[in-house]
Amino acid sequence: MNAVFGKTGTCTAPAVWLVEGYTFRDGALESLDRTVYACQAHVSVAEVGWLRGLAPHTRSARGLHWCGTFTDYEPDAG
């Protein structure tokens, strides 16, 4: 798998939440497709908007990360 890293939104606050976005199929979470870090003020924005329609699973962030930092997971092209 390749990973694409980036930043969404304009907030620069430390993130206290890690929001994981999963493909949801046949009543189950199928694959982790995106993670986004969020501060307390933006956790609901992350769960609804920044995951781009993926099913959210939110947990406490570990370590120092910044609000809006995301990772997209893509299958290898080769």
Protein backbone atom coordinates (compact mmCIF):
# COMPACT_ATOMS: atom_id res chain seq x y z
CA MET A 1 0.00 0.00 0.00
CA ASN A 2 1.06 3.53 -0.75
CA ALA A 3 0.15 6.36 1.59
CA VAL A 4 -0.57 9.97 0.68
CA PHE A 5 -0.06 12.58 3.39
CA GLY A 6 -1.53 16.06 3.56
CA LYS A 7 -3.37 18.77 5.45
CA THR A 8 -7.02 19.78 5.31
CA GLY A 9 -8.54 22.84 6.91
CA THR A 10 -6.63 25.81 8.28
CA CYS A 11 -6.49 24.98 11.99
CA THR A 12 -3.02 24.68 13.51
CA ALA A 13 -4.04 23.48 16.99
CA PRO A 14 -2.62 20.30 18.49
CA ALA A 15 -4.85 17.30 17.76
CA VAL A 16 -6.38 15.35 20.61
CA TRP A 17 -8.41 12.98 18.40
CA LEU A 18 -7.54 10.48 15.69
CA VAL A 19 -10.48 9.95 13.35
CA GLU A 20 -10.22 6.81 11.25
CA GLY A 21 -12.30 6.49 8.08
CA TYR A 22 -13.40 3.05 6.97
CA THR A 23 -15.20 1.69 3.93
CA PHE A 24 -18.45 0.23 5.27
CA ARG A 25 -19.85 -2.70 3.33
CA ASP A 26 -22.38 -5.44 4.13
CA GLY A 27 -22.83 -4.19 7.69
CA ALA A 28 -19.12 -4.21 8.58
CA LEU A 29 -16.11 -1.93 8.50
CA GLU A 30 -14.14 -3.30 5.58
CA SER A 31 -10.92 -1.32 5.16
CA LEU A 32 -9.12 1.65 6.69
CA ASP A 33 -8.91 4.25 3.94
CA ARG A 34 -8.11 7.55 5.67
CA THR A 35 -7.01 8.91 9.03
CA VAL A 36 -7.36 12.53 10.11
CA TYR A 37 -6.14 14.18 13.29
CA ALA A 38 -8.48 16.74 14.89
CA CYS A 39 -8.51 19.19 17.77
CA GLN A 40 -11.51 19.26 20.11
CA ALA A 41 -13.16 22.06 18.09
CA HIS A 42 -12.92 20.17 14.78
CA VAL A 43 -13.63 16.53 15.69
CA SER A 44 -17.20 16.65 14.32
CA VAL A 45 -15.98 18.38 11.13
CA ALA A 46 -13.39 15.63 10.73
CA GLU A 47 -15.95 12.84 11.24
CA VAL A 48 -18.43 14.29 8.74
CA GLY A 49 -16.46 16.31 6.18
CA TRP A 50 -12.80 15.43 6.25
CA LEU A 51 -13.45 11.69 5.89
CA ARG A 52 -15.27 12.25 2.57
CA GLY A 53 -18.14 9.87 3.29
CA LEU A 54 -16.20 7.10 5.03
CA ALA A 55 -17.51 5.56 8.26
CA PRO A 56 -15.78 7.22 11.25
CA HIS A 57 -14.17 5.59 14.25
CA THR A 58 -12.76 8.18 16.69
CA ARG A 59 -10.26 7.61 19.45
CA SER A 60 -7.75 9.61 21.48
CA ALA A 61 -4.64 10.65 19.57
CA ARG A 62 -1.24 9.60 20.83
CA GLY A 63 1.81 11.80 20.47
CA LEU A 64 1.96 15.29 18.99
CA HIS A 65 -0.04 15.81 15.78
CA TRP A 66 -1.72 18.83 14.25
CA CYS A 67 -5.40 19.32 13.46
CA GLY A 68 -6.24 18.51 9.85
CA THR A 69 -3.23 16.30 9.15
CA PHE A 70 -4.42 13.31 7.14
CA THR A 71 -3.18 10.08 5.61
CA ASP A 72 -4.93 8.44 2.67
CA TYR A 73 -4.19 4.76 2.12
CA GLU A 74 -4.18 3.60 -1.49
CA PRO A 75 -3.41 0.19 -2.95
CA ASP A 76 -0.10 -0.25 -4.73
CA ALA A 77 -0.23 0.54 -8.41
CA GLY A 78 1.93 -2.26 -9.34
